[in-house]
Amino acid sequence: MKLVIQIPCYNEGECILEVLKNLPKKLLGIDKIEVVVLDDGSDDDTSKIALNYGVDKVIKSQINRGLSYNFMTGVNYALEIGADVLVNIDGDNQYCASDIQKLINPILENSCDIVIGARDIKNIKAFSSFKKAMQKFGSLMVKLISGIDVKDAASGFRAFSKDALLNLNVFNQFSYTIETIVQAKNKNLKVTNVDINVNEQINRKSKLFKNDFDYIFKQAKNLIRFFIIYRPARFFMINAFIFFFLGLLISFRYLWFFFNFDGSGHVQSLILASIIFILSFLCFILAIIGDLFSINRKLLEDIQYKLRCDKYKK
């Protein structure tokens, strides 16, 4: 069994050495461990430190392409070198590398495909009350959209089986964390949570977003986007029903005035109701079209999966 530990990082010269030192040298059920540092266009000495430490591979992008691109670069490399399990751990030394064994155990036991390291959010001192509430709310929204019980949807400490790697497709540029969860449900991949520990250095400023509100805006936008892409029929049908019932309410208002005041006035309610009924019908049509596109996308993903299996000799 080959395990690849990938470390996506951007200007992590201050932390990367500590992360590498804490990585386990041996793990139960694993014959070989390879460490890959994914440098997303850092302008500091992140890559140099990693190379001097003696990691197996450093993949450096010439420009900063974003976390998702960096993550998929590591996924493709892991498949190329025949990884059976992939562990992703951030380069900011936020997560305790000693928990890697706990993270990979469910995959080694063939009980799941993706393991998410769940932080004890409520007891992290560096997180404000607002951030803790938003983390909890975000995980709840991901659960509603994906149908998977996720404790910490934003966690970047994860383990993936080879089958999960062959199935993954991340197109969102901001972060892969939520999209991979939504995809897992669509591709019948089993996901579980494992409680993990964190280090005290997690109060550093994030390089992904400017502030909490920027993070909320980007993730909310992505959640809506994922809902449309992976649940198009449900998304547009919900909107169709909302518009339909809103149109009914306005129509009843017009009818009430029509029969109680000899049909005089309030024609604007009838016009507005007509417009809303048209919007409802358009959403209904989009739900049908979206469902057809969804079926086509699944067929293409099945073809891609078979091609990947052939390419990587699964």
C-alpha atoms as a PDB file:
ATOM      1  CA  MET A   1       0.000   0.000   0.000  1.00  0.00           C
ATOM      2  CA  LYS A   2       1.379   3.368  -1.056  1.00  0.00           C
ATOM      3  CA  LEU A   3       0.366   6.537   0.765  1.00  0.00           C
ATOM      4  CA  VAL A   4       0.959   9.976  -0.710  1.00  0.00           C
ATOM      5  CA  ILE A   5       0.872  12.929   1.675  1.00  0.00           C
ATOM      6  CA  GLN A   6       0.372  16.123  -0.270  1.00  0.00           C
ATOM      7  CA  ILE A   7       0.901  19.558   1.231  1.00  0.00           C
ATOM      8  CA  PRO A   8      -0.600  22.443  -0.760  1.00  0.00           C
ATOM      9  CA  CYS A   9       0.995  25.711   0.281  1.00  0.00           C
ATOM     10  CA  TYR A  10       1.503  29.321  -0.675  1.00  0.00           C
ATOM     11  CA  ASN A  11       4.230  31.368   1.043  1.00  0.00           C
ATOM     12  CA  GLU A  12       4.480  28.962   3.960  1.00  0.00           C
ATOM     13  CA  GLY A  13       8.214  29.376   4.525  1.00  0.00           C
ATOM     14  CA  GLU A  14       7.643  30.027   8.221  1.00  0.00           C
ATOM     15  CA  CYS A  15       5.621  26.848   8.805  1.00  0.00           C
ATOM     16  CA  ILE A  16       6.479  24.242   6.181  1.00  0.00           C
ATOM     17  CA  LEU A  17       9.512  22.859   8.021  1.00  0.00           C
ATOM     18  CA  GLU A  18       7.468  22.258  11.172  1.00  0.00           C
ATOM     19  CA  VAL A  19       4.800  20.475   9.112  1.00  0.00           C
ATOM     20  CA  LEU A  20       7.387  18.215   7.477  1.00  0.00           C
ATOM     21  CA  LYS A  21       9.055  17.365  10.789  1.00  0.00           C
ATOM     22  CA  ASN A  22       5.744  16.293  12.299  1.00  0.00           C
ATOM     23  CA  LEU A  23       4.803  13.927   9.465  1.00  0.00           C
ATOM     24  CA  PRO A  24       4.866  10.258  10.510  1.00  0.00           C
ATOM     25  CA  LYS A  25       7.633   8.105   9.084  1.00  0.00           C
ATOM     26  CA  LYS A  26       5.719   4.833   9.498  1.00  0.00           C
ATOM     27  CA  LEU A  27       2.030   4.005   9.523  1.00  0.00           C
ATOM     28  CA  LEU A  28       0.155   0.762  10.154  1.00  0.00           C
ATOM     29  CA  GLY A  29      -1.100  -0.798   6.937  1.00  0.00           C
ATOM     30  CA  ILE A  30       1.155   1.366   4.743  1.00  0.00           C
ATOM     31  CA  ASP A  31       4.251   0.003   3.007  1.00  0.00           C
ATOM     32  CA  LYS A  32       5.506   3.219   1.446  1.00  0.00           C
ATOM     33  CA  ILE A  33       4.995   6.915   2.202  1.00  0.00           C
ATOM     34  CA  GLU A  34       5.749   9.675  -0.310  1.00  0.00           C
ATOM     35  CA  VAL A  35       5.576  13.345   0.613  1.00  0.00           C
ATOM     36  CA  VAL A  36       4.697  15.884  -2.088  1.00  0.00           C
ATOM     37  CA  VAL A  37       4.825  19.642  -1.541  1.00  0.00           C
ATOM     38  CA  LEU A  38       2.557  21.601  -3.889  1.00  0.00           C
ATOM     39  CA  ASP A  39       3.916  25.140  -4.069  1.00  0.00           C
ATOM     40  CA  ASP A  40       1.288  27.408  -5.595  1.00  0.00           C
ATOM     41  CA  GLY A  41       3.623  30.077  -6.947  1.00  0.00           C
ATOM     42  CA  SER A  42       5.179  31.136  -3.636  1.00  0.00           C
ATOM     43  CA  ASP A  43       7.598  34.057  -3.722  1.00  0.00           C
ATOM     44  CA  ASP A  44       9.340  33.009  -0.515  1.00  0.00           C
ATOM     45  CA  ASP A  45      11.615  30.035   0.245  1.00  0.00           C
ATOM     46  CA  THR A  46       8.867  27.420   0.730  1.00  0.00           C
ATOM     47  CA  SER A  47      10.123  25.132  -2.060  1.00  0.00           C
ATOM     48  CA  LYS A  48      13.767  25.530  -1.076  1.00  0.00           C
ATOM     49  CA  ILE A  49      13.067  24.535   2.522  1.00  0.00           C
ATOM     50  CA  ALA A  50      11.067  21.504   1.387  1.00  0.00           C
ATOM     51  CA  LEU A  51      13.806  20.368  -1.002  1.00  0.00           C
ATOM     52  CA  ASN A  52      16.521  20.824   1.620  1.00  0.00           C
ATOM     53  CA  TYR A  53      14.483  18.757   4.054  1.00  0.00           C
ATOM     54  CA  GLY A  54      14.398  15.948   1.505  1.00  0.00           C
ATOM     55  CA  VAL A  55      10.758  15.559   0.484  1.00  0.00           C
ATOM     56  CA  ASP A  56      10.094  13.116  -2.336  1.00  0.00           C
ATOM     57  CA  LYS A  57       8.667  15.714  -4.720  1.00  0.00           C
ATOM     58  CA  VAL A  58       8.121  19.461  -4.977  1.00  0.00           C
ATOM     59  CA  ILE A  59       5.692  20.632  -7.643  1.00  0.00           C
ATOM     60  CA  LYS A  60       5.879  24.391  -8.029  1.00  0.00           C
ATOM     61  CA  SER A  61       3.561  26.488 -10.156  1.00  0.00           C
ATOM     62  CA  GLN A  62       5.045  29.580 -11.771  1.00  0.00           C
ATOM     63  CA  ILE A  63       2.028  31.657 -10.759  1.00  0.00           C
ATOM     64  CA  ASN A  64      -0.571  31.484  -8.005  1.00  0.00           C
ATOM     65  CA  ARG A  65      -3.416  29.428  -9.509  1.00  0.00           C
ATOM     66  CA  GLY A  66      -5.538  28.858  -6.428  1.00  0.00           C
ATOM     67  CA  LEU A  67      -6.100  26.098  -3.902  1.00  0.00           C
ATOM     68  CA  SER A  68      -8.371  23.951  -6.091  1.00  0.00           C
ATOM     69  CA  TYR A  69      -5.899  23.870  -8.991  1.00  0.00           C
ATOM     70  CA  ASN A  70      -3.091  23.033  -6.582  1.00  0.00           C
ATOM     71  CA  PHE A  71      -5.146  20.256  -4.995  1.00  0.00           C
ATOM     72  CA  MET A  72      -6.004  18.636  -8.343  1.00  0.00           C
ATOM     73  CA  THR A  73      -2.360  18.850  -9.407  1.00  0.00           C
ATOM     74  CA  GLY A  74      -1.533  16.702  -6.405  1.00  0.00           C
ATOM     75  CA  VAL A  75      -4.400  14.302  -7.122  1.00  0.00           C
ATOM     76  CA  ASN A  76      -3.221  13.719 -10.691  1.00  0.00           C
ATOM     77  CA  TYR A  77       0.369  13.218  -9.560  1.00  0.00           C
ATOM     78  CA  ALA A  78      -0.711  10.748  -6.867  1.00  0.00           C
ATOM     79  CA  LEU A  79      -2.576   8.718  -9.487  1.00  0.00           C
ATOM     80  CA  GLU A  80       0.428   8.775 -11.802  1.00  0.00           C
ATOM     81  CA  ILE A  81       2.748   7.282  -9.187  1.00  0.00           C
ATOM     82  CA  GLY A  82       0.217   4.636  -8.158  1.00  0.00           C
ATOM     83  CA  ALA A  83      -1.014   5.944  -4.814  1.00  0.00           C
ATOM     84  CA  ASP A  84      -3.539   3.770  -2.983  1.00  0.00           C
ATOM     85  CA  VAL A  85      -4.363   6.466  -0.428  1.00  0.00           C
ATOM     86  CA  LEU A  86      -3.915  10.229  -0.557  1.00  0.00           C
ATOM     87  CA  VAL A  87      -3.780  12.467   2.501  1.00  0.00           C
ATOM     88  CA  ASN A  88      -4.114  16.216   2.098  1.00  0.00           C
ATOM     89  CA  ILE A  89      -2.753  18.370   4.920  1.00  0.00           C
ATOM     90  CA  ASP A  90      -2.358  22.150   4.753  1.00  0.00           C
ATOM     91  CA  GLY A  91       1.068  23.758   4.873  1.00  0.00           C
ATOM     92  CA  ASP A  92       0.204  26.248   7.621  1.00  0.00           C
ATOM     93  CA  ASN A  93       0.742  23.701  10.411  1.00  0.00           C
ATOM     94  CA  GLN A  94      -2.883  24.002  11.479  1.00  0.00           C
ATOM     95  CA  TYR A  95      -3.534  20.259  11.709  1.00  0.00           C
ATOM     96  CA  CYS A  96      -1.763  17.678  13.873  1.00  0.00           C
ATOM     97  CA  ALA A  97       0.043  15.319  11.525  1.00  0.00           C
ATOM     98  CA  SER A  98      -0.029  12.633  14.218  1.00  0.00           C
ATOM     99  CA  ASP A  99      -3.730  12.156  13.365  1.00  0.00           C
ATOM    100  CA  ILE A 100      -2.936  10.842   9.882  1.00  0.00           C
ATOM    101  CA  GLN A 101      -3.200   7.246  11.110  1.00  0.00           C
ATOM    102  CA  LYS A 102      -6.736   7.920  12.389  1.00  0.00           C
ATOM    103  CA  LEU A 103      -7.553   9.552   9.075  1.00  0.00           C
ATOM    104  CA  ILE A 104      -6.485   6.647   6.861  1.00  0.00           C
ATOM    105  CA  ASN A 105      -7.787   3.763   9.020  1.00  0.00           C
ATOM    106  CA  PRO A 106     -11.380   3.830   7.616  1.00  0.00           C
ATOM    107  CA  ILE A 107      -9.972   3.661   4.070  1.00  0.00           C
ATOM    108  CA  LEU A 108      -7.605   0.818   4.931  1.00  0.00           C
ATOM    109  CA  GLU A 109     -10.608  -1.024   6.384  1.00  0.00           C
ATOM    110  CA  ASN A 110     -12.520  -0.412   3.105  1.00  0.00           C
ATOM    111  CA  SER A 111     -15.377   1.182   5.013  1.00  0.00           C
ATOM    112  CA  CYS A 112     -15.322   4.517   3.167  1.00  0.00           C
ATOM    113  CA  ASP A 113     -13.735   6.478   0.312  1.00  0.00           C
ATOM    114  CA  ILE A 114     -13.259   9.945   1.800  1.00  0.00           C
ATOM    115  CA  VAL A 115     -12.376  10.763   5.401  1.00  0.00           C
ATOM    116  CA  ILE A 116     -12.734  14.338   6.636  1.00  0.00           C
ATOM    117  CA  GLY A 117     -10.790  15.452   9.689  1.00  0.00           C
ATOM    118  CA  ALA A 118     -13.307  17.265  11.889  1.00  0.00           C
ATOM    119  CA  ARG A 119     -11.956  19.997  14.136  1.00  0.00           C
ATOM    120  CA  ASP A 120     -13.551  20.730  17.495  1.00  0.00           C
ATOM    121  CA  ILE A 121     -14.689  24.146  16.261  1.00  0.00           C
ATOM    122  CA  LYS A 122     -16.404  25.292  19.462  1.00  0.00           C
ATOM    123  CA  ASN A 123     -13.199  24.863  21.504  1.00  0.00           C
ATOM    124  CA  ILE A 124     -10.785  26.568  19.108  1.00  0.00           C
ATOM    125  CA  LYS A 125      -9.759  29.736  20.953  1.00  0.00           C
ATOM    126  CA  ALA A 126      -8.468  31.485  17.827  1.00  0.00           C
ATOM    127  CA  PHE A 127     -11.948  31.416  16.239  1.00  0.00           C
ATOM    128  CA  SER A 128     -14.388  34.181  17.118  1.00  0.00           C
ATOM    129  CA  SER A 129     -17.953  33.330  18.137  1.00  0.00           C
ATOM    130  CA  PHE A 130     -19.127  34.628  14.772  1.00  0.00           C
ATOM    131  CA  LYS A 131     -16.687  32.414  12.877  1.00  0.00           C
ATOM    132  CA  LYS A 132     -17.683  29.369  14.918  1.00  0.00           C
ATOM    133  CA  ALA A 133     -21.354  30.018  14.176  1.00  0.00           C
ATOM    134  CA  MET A 134     -20.651  30.458  10.461  1.00  0.00           C
ATOM    135  CA  GLN A 135     -18.593  27.250  10.342  1.00  0.00           C
ATOM    136  CA  LYS A 136     -21.469  25.335  11.914  1.00  0.00           C
ATOM    137  CA  PHE A 137     -24.051  26.954   9.638  1.00  0.00           C
ATOM    138  CA  GLY A 138     -21.894  26.286   6.559  1.00  0.00           C
ATOM    139  CA  SER A 139     -21.546  22.595   7.423  1.00  0.00           C
ATOM    140  CA  LEU A 140     -25.323  22.405   7.885  1.00  0.00           C
ATOM    141  CA  MET A 141     -25.929  23.939   4.439  1.00  0.00           C
ATOM    142  CA  VAL A 142     -23.467  21.507   2.847  1.00  0.00           C
ATOM    143  CA  LYS A 143     -25.320  18.650   4.557  1.00  0.00           C
ATOM    144  CA  LEU A 144     -28.652  19.878   3.153  1.00  0.00           C
ATOM    145  CA  ILE A 145     -27.277  20.185  -0.395  1.00  0.00           C
ATOM    146  CA  SER A 146     -25.134  17.050  -0.478  1.00  0.00           C
ATOM    147  CA  GLY A 147     -27.128  14.765   1.793  1.00  0.00           C
ATOM    148  CA  ILE A 148     -23.927  13.860   3.662  1.00  0.00           C
ATOM    149  CA  ASP A 149     -23.511  14.407   7.398  1.00  0.00           C
ATOM    150  CA  VAL A 150     -20.454  16.654   7.595  1.00  0.00           C
ATOM    151  CA  LYS A 151     -19.090  17.996  10.871  1.00  0.00           C
ATOM    152  CA  ASP A 152     -16.440  20.315   9.417  1.00  0.00           C
ATOM    153  CA  ALA A 153     -17.065  21.032   5.734  1.00  0.00           C
ATOM    154  CA  ALA A 154     -14.159  23.501   5.469  1.00  0.00           C
ATOM    155  CA  SER A 155     -11.526  21.149   6.841  1.00  0.00           C
ATOM    156  CA  GLY A 156      -8.539  20.661   4.546  1.00  0.00           C
ATOM    157  CA  PHE A 157      -7.239  17.640   6.445  1.00  0.00           C
ATOM    158  CA  ARG A 158      -8.606  14.696   4.471  1.00  0.00           C
ATOM    159  CA  ALA A 159      -7.866  11.226   3.189  1.00  0.00           C
ATOM    160  CA  PHE A 160      -8.983   9.797  -0.158  1.00  0.00           C
ATOM    161  CA  SER A 161      -9.073   6.269  -1.509  1.00  0.00           C
ATOM    162  CA  LYS A 162      -7.839   5.564  -5.026  1.00  0.00           C
ATOM    163  CA  ASP A 163     -11.405   5.149  -6.253  1.00  0.00           C
ATOM    164  CA  ALA A 164     -12.271   8.584  -4.868  1.00  0.00           C
ATOM    165  CA  LEU A 165      -9.278  10.125  -6.660  1.00  0.00           C
ATOM    166  CA  LEU A 166     -10.371   8.569  -9.946  1.00  0.00           C
ATOM    167  CA  ASN A 167     -13.823  10.091  -9.530  1.00  0.00           C
ATOM    168  CA  LEU A 168     -12.904  13.619  -8.478  1.00  0.00           C
ATOM    169  CA  ASN A 169     -13.498  16.631 -10.739  1.00  0.00           C
ATOM    170  CA  VAL A 170     -12.915  20.055  -9.194  1.00  0.00           C
ATOM    171  CA  PHE A 171     -13.632  23.073 -11.367  1.00  0.00           C
ATOM    172  CA  ASN A 172     -14.237  25.689  -8.669  1.00  0.00           C
ATOM    173  CA  GLN A 173     -11.180  27.947  -8.329  1.00  0.00           C
ATOM    174  CA  PHE A 174     -11.671  29.040  -4.714  1.00  0.00           C
ATOM    175  CA  SER A 175     -11.576  25.784  -2.757  1.00  0.00           C
ATOM    176  CA  TYR A 176     -12.078  22.067  -3.299  1.00  0.00           C
ATOM    177  CA  THR A 177     -13.419  21.295   0.192  1.00  0.00           C
ATOM    178  CA  ILE A 178     -17.159  21.691  -0.376  1.00  0.00           C
ATOM    179  CA  GLU A 179     -17.249  20.604  -4.019  1.00  0.00           C
ATOM    180  CA  THR A 180     -15.651  17.233  -3.266  1.00  0.00           C
ATOM    181  CA  ILE A 181     -18.321  16.570  -0.622  1.00  0.00           C
ATOM    182  CA  VAL A 182     -21.168  17.408  -3.017  1.00  0.00           C
ATOM    183  CA  GLN A 183     -19.578  15.251  -5.715  1.00  0.00           C
ATOM    184  CA  ALA A 184     -19.159  12.319  -3.331  1.00  0.00           C
ATOM    185  CA  LYS A 185     -22.901  11.899  -2.947  1.00  0.00           C
ATOM    186  CA  ASN A 186     -23.467  12.021  -6.708  1.00  0.00           C
ATOM    187  CA  LYS A 187     -20.816   9.376  -7.321  1.00  0.00           C
ATOM    188  CA  ASN A 188     -21.860   7.050  -4.490  1.00  0.00           C
ATOM    189  CA  LEU A 189     -18.638   7.598  -2.571  1.00  0.00           C
ATOM    190  CA  LYS A 190     -18.825   6.915   1.152  1.00  0.00           C
ATOM    191  CA  VAL A 191     -17.769   9.799   3.392  1.00  0.00           C
ATOM    192  CA  THR A 192     -17.057   9.721   7.106  1.00  0.00           C
ATOM    193  CA  ASN A 193     -15.780  12.122   9.770  1.00  0.00           C
ATOM    194  CA  VAL A 194     -12.888  11.590  12.157  1.00  0.00           C
ATOM    195  CA  ASP A 195     -12.227  13.884  15.109  1.00  0.00           C
ATOM    196  CA  ILE A 196      -8.796  15.512  14.886  1.00  0.00           C
ATOM    197  CA  ASN A 197      -6.636  17.914  16.868  1.00  0.00           C
ATOM    198  CA  VAL A 198      -5.275  21.279  15.795  1.00  0.00           C
ATOM    199  CA  ASN A 199      -2.163  23.242  16.680  1.00  0.00           C
ATOM    200  CA  GLU A 200      -2.213  26.648  18.311  1.00  0.00           C
ATOM    201  CA  GLN A 201      -0.819  28.503  15.266  1.00  0.00           C
ATOM    202  CA  ILE A 202      -4.182  28.583  13.498  1.00  0.00           C
ATOM    203  CA  ASN A 203      -4.816  32.253  14.284  1.00  0.00           C
ATOM    204  CA  ARG A 204      -2.729  33.344  11.303  1.00  0.00           C
ATOM    205  CA  LYS A 205      -4.437  35.380   8.619  1.00  0.00           C
ATOM    206  CA  SER A 206      -5.824  33.252   5.799  1.00  0.00           C
ATOM    207  CA  LYS A 207      -4.371  33.563   2.315  1.00  0.00           C
ATOM    208  CA  LEU A 208      -7.628  32.417   0.683  1.00  0.00           C
ATOM    209  CA  PHE A 209      -9.880  35.283   1.738  1.00  0.00           C
ATOM    210  CA  LYS A 210      -9.622  38.829   3.105  1.00  0.00           C
ATOM    211  CA  ASN A 211     -11.967  38.454   6.071  1.00  0.00           C
ATOM    212  CA  ASP A 212     -14.857  36.357   7.398  1.00  0.00           C
ATOM    213  CA  PHE A 213     -17.416  38.186   5.264  1.00  0.00           C
ATOM    214  CA  ASP A 214     -15.368  37.623   2.117  1.00  0.00           C
ATOM    215  CA  TYR A 215     -15.198  33.918   2.976  1.00  0.00           C
ATOM    216  CA  ILE A 216     -18.956  33.742   3.580  1.00  0.00           C
ATOM    217  CA  PHE A 217     -19.702  35.487   0.283  1.00  0.00           C
ATOM    218  CA  LYS A 218     -17.423  33.192  -1.736  1.00  0.00           C
ATOM    219  CA  GLN A 219     -18.662  30.010  -0.113  1.00  0.00           C
ATOM    220  CA  ALA A 220     -22.330  31.045  -0.394  1.00  0.00           C
ATOM    221  CA  LYS A 221     -21.823  31.759  -4.083  1.00  0.00           C
ATOM    222  CA  ASN A 222     -20.205  28.369  -4.547  1.00  0.00           C
ATOM    223  CA  LEU A 223     -22.958  26.570  -2.621  1.00  0.00           C
ATOM    224  CA  ILE A 224     -25.594  28.037  -4.922  1.00  0.00           C
ATOM    225  CA  ARG A 225     -23.471  27.139  -7.937  1.00  0.00           C
ATOM    226  CA  PHE A 226     -23.006  23.544  -6.757  1.00  0.00           C
ATOM    227  CA  PHE A 227     -26.731  23.244  -6.066  1.00  0.00           C
ATOM    228  CA  ILE A 228     -27.489  24.319  -9.647  1.00  0.00           C
ATOM    229  CA  ILE A 229     -24.846  22.022 -11.165  1.00  0.00           C
ATOM    230  CA  TYR A 230     -25.429  18.867  -9.135  1.00  0.00           C
ATOM    231  CA  ARG A 231     -29.135  19.291  -8.271  1.00  0.00           C
ATOM    232  CA  PRO A 232     -30.530  21.331 -11.196  1.00  0.00           C
ATOM    233  CA  ALA A 233     -33.997  19.735 -11.247  1.00  0.00           C
ATOM    234  CA  ARG A 234     -34.484  20.269  -7.523  1.00  0.00           C
ATOM    235  CA  PHE A 235     -33.103  23.825  -7.594  1.00  0.00           C
ATOM    236  CA  PHE A 236     -35.294  25.076 -10.430  1.00  0.00           C
ATOM    237  CA  MET A 237     -38.357  23.107  -9.295  1.00  0.00           C
ATOM    238  CA  ILE A 238     -38.164  24.718  -5.867  1.00  0.00           C
ATOM    239  CA  ASN A 239     -38.031  28.138  -7.510  1.00  0.00           C
ATOM    240  CA  ALA A 240     -40.919  27.179  -9.816  1.00  0.00           C
ATOM    241  CA  PHE A 241     -43.121  26.305  -6.816  1.00  0.00           C
ATOM    242  CA  ILE A 242     -42.120  29.455  -4.963  1.00  0.00           C
ATOM    243  CA  PHE A 243     -43.070  31.646  -7.940  1.00  0.00           C
ATOM    244  CA  PHE A 244     -46.264  29.637  -8.503  1.00  0.00           C
ATOM    245  CA  PHE A 245     -47.540  30.073  -4.953  1.00  0.00           C
ATOM    246  CA  LEU A 246     -46.504  33.726  -4.933  1.00  0.00           C
ATOM    247  CA  GLY A 247     -48.498  34.189  -8.134  1.00  0.00           C
ATOM    248  CA  LEU A 248     -51.483  32.442  -6.541  1.00  0.00           C
ATOM    249  CA  LEU A 249     -51.394  34.761  -3.534  1.00  0.00           C
ATOM    250  CA  ILE A 250     -51.354  37.861  -5.733  1.00  0.00           C
ATOM    251  CA  SER A 251     -54.128  36.377  -7.898  1.00  0.00           C
ATOM    252  CA  PHE A 252     -56.302  35.779  -4.822  1.00  0.00           C
ATOM    253  CA  ARG A 253     -55.714  39.376  -3.808  1.00  0.00           C
ATOM    254  CA  TYR A 254     -56.953  40.565  -7.202  1.00  0.00           C
ATOM    255  CA  LEU A 255     -59.981  38.250  -7.093  1.00  0.00           C
ATOM    256  CA  TRP A 256     -60.894  39.385  -3.594  1.00  0.00           C
ATOM    257  CA  PHE A 257     -60.978  43.024  -4.687  1.00  0.00           C
ATOM    258  CA  PHE A 258     -62.701  42.064  -7.948  1.00  0.00           C
ATOM    259  CA  PHE A 259     -65.654  40.369  -6.269  1.00  0.00           C
ATOM    260  CA  ASN A 260     -65.945  42.713  -3.296  1.00  0.00           C
ATOM    261  CA  PHE A 261     -65.585  46.027  -5.121  1.00  0.00           C
ATOM    262  CA  ASP A 262     -67.409  45.362  -8.397  1.00  0.00           C
ATOM    263  CA  GLY A 263     -64.227  44.544 -10.329  1.00  0.00           C
ATOM    264  CA  SER A 264     -62.784  48.025 -10.080  1.00  0.00           C
ATOM    265  CA  GLY A 265     -59.020  48.709  -9.876  1.00  0.00           C
ATOM    266  CA  HIS A 266     -56.041  46.575  -8.840  1.00  0.00           C
ATOM    267  CA  VAL A 267     -55.314  45.493 -12.402  1.00  0.00           C
ATOM    268  CA  GLN A 268     -51.627  45.846 -11.506  1.00  0.00           C
ATOM    269  CA  SER A 269     -52.008  42.771  -9.251  1.00  0.00           C
ATOM    270  CA  LEU A 270     -53.268  40.747 -12.213  1.00  0.00           C
ATOM    271  CA  ILE A 271     -50.343  41.907 -14.358  1.00  0.00           C
ATOM    272  CA  LEU A 272     -47.823  41.111 -11.621  1.00  0.00           C
ATOM    273  CA  ALA A 273     -49.368  37.680 -11.042  1.00  0.00           C
ATOM    274  CA  SER A 274     -49.138  36.930 -14.778  1.00  0.00           C
ATOM    275  CA  ILE A 275     -45.447  37.850 -14.827  1.00  0.00           C
ATOM    276  CA  ILE A 276     -44.749  35.653 -11.799  1.00  0.00           C
ATOM    277  CA  PHE A 277     -46.646  32.702 -13.343  1.00  0.00           C
ATOM    278  CA  ILE A 278     -44.469  33.085 -16.454  1.00  0.00           C
ATOM    279  CA  LEU A 279     -41.332  32.986 -14.263  1.00  0.00           C
ATOM    280  CA  SER A 280     -42.686  29.860 -12.581  1.00  0.00           C
ATOM    281  CA  PHE A 281     -43.206  28.188 -15.951  1.00  0.00           C
ATOM    282  CA  LEU A 282     -39.698  29.163 -17.092  1.00  0.00           C
ATOM    283  CA  CYS A 283     -38.199  27.637 -13.921  1.00  0.00           C
ATOM    284  CA  PHE A 284     -40.196  24.470 -14.564  1.00  0.00           C
ATOM    285  CA  ILE A 285     -38.763  24.257 -18.104  1.00  0.00           C
ATOM    286  CA  LEU A 286     -35.243  24.909 -16.755  1.00  0.00           C
ATOM    287  CA  ALA A 287     -35.735  22.087 -14.248  1.00  0.00           C
ATOM    288  CA  ILE A 288     -36.462  19.656 -17.092  1.00  0.00           C
ATOM    289  CA  ILE A 289     -33.540  20.916 -19.198  1.00  0.00           C
ATOM    290  CA  GLY A 290     -31.234  20.897 -16.169  1.00  0.00           C
ATOM    291  CA  ASP A 291     -32.153  17.303 -15.409  1.00  0.00           C
ATOM    292  CA  LEU A 292     -31.305  16.292 -18.982  1.00  0.00           C
ATOM    293  CA  PHE A 293     -27.941  18.077 -18.745  1.00  0.00           C
ATOM    294  CA  SER A 294     -27.319  16.375 -15.398  1.00  0.00           C
ATOM    295  CA  ILE A 295     -27.876  12.944 -16.950  1.00  0.00           C
ATOM    296  CA  ASN A 296     -25.509  13.830 -19.793  1.00  0.00           C
ATOM    297  CA  ARG A 297     -22.871  15.044 -17.313  1.00  0.00           C
ATOM    298  CA  LYS A 298     -23.082  11.767 -15.369  1.00  0.00           C
ATOM    299  CA  LEU A 299     -22.607   9.770 -18.562  1.00  0.00           C
ATOM    300  CA  LEU A 300     -19.522  11.829 -19.436  1.00  0.00           C
ATOM    301  CA  GLU A 301     -18.145  11.373 -15.920  1.00  0.00           C
ATOM    302  CA  ASP A 302     -18.602   7.596 -16.241  1.00  0.00           C
ATOM    303  CA  ILE A 303     -16.594   7.680 -19.459  1.00  0.00           C
ATOM    304  CA  GLN A 304     -13.913   9.798 -17.805  1.00  0.00           C
ATOM    305  CA  TYR A 305     -13.748   7.378 -14.869  1.00  0.00           C
ATOM    306  CA  LYS A 306     -13.220   4.406 -17.194  1.00  0.00           C
ATOM    307  CA  LEU A 307     -10.534   6.281 -19.120  1.00  0.00           C
ATOM    308  CA  ARG A 308      -8.757   7.158 -15.893  1.00  0.00           C
ATOM    309  CA  CYS A 309      -8.933   3.571 -14.701  1.00  0.00           C
ATOM    310  CA  ASP A 310      -7.370   2.445 -17.962  1.00  0.00           C
ATOM    311  CA  LYS A 311      -4.724   5.179 -17.835  1.00  0.00           C
ATOM    312  CA  TYR A 312      -3.692   4.483 -14.267  1.00  0.00           C
ATOM    313  CA  LYS A 313      -4.128   0.695 -14.598  1.00  0.00           C
ATOM    314  CA  LYS A 314      -6.608   0.218 -11.804  1.00  0.00           C
END
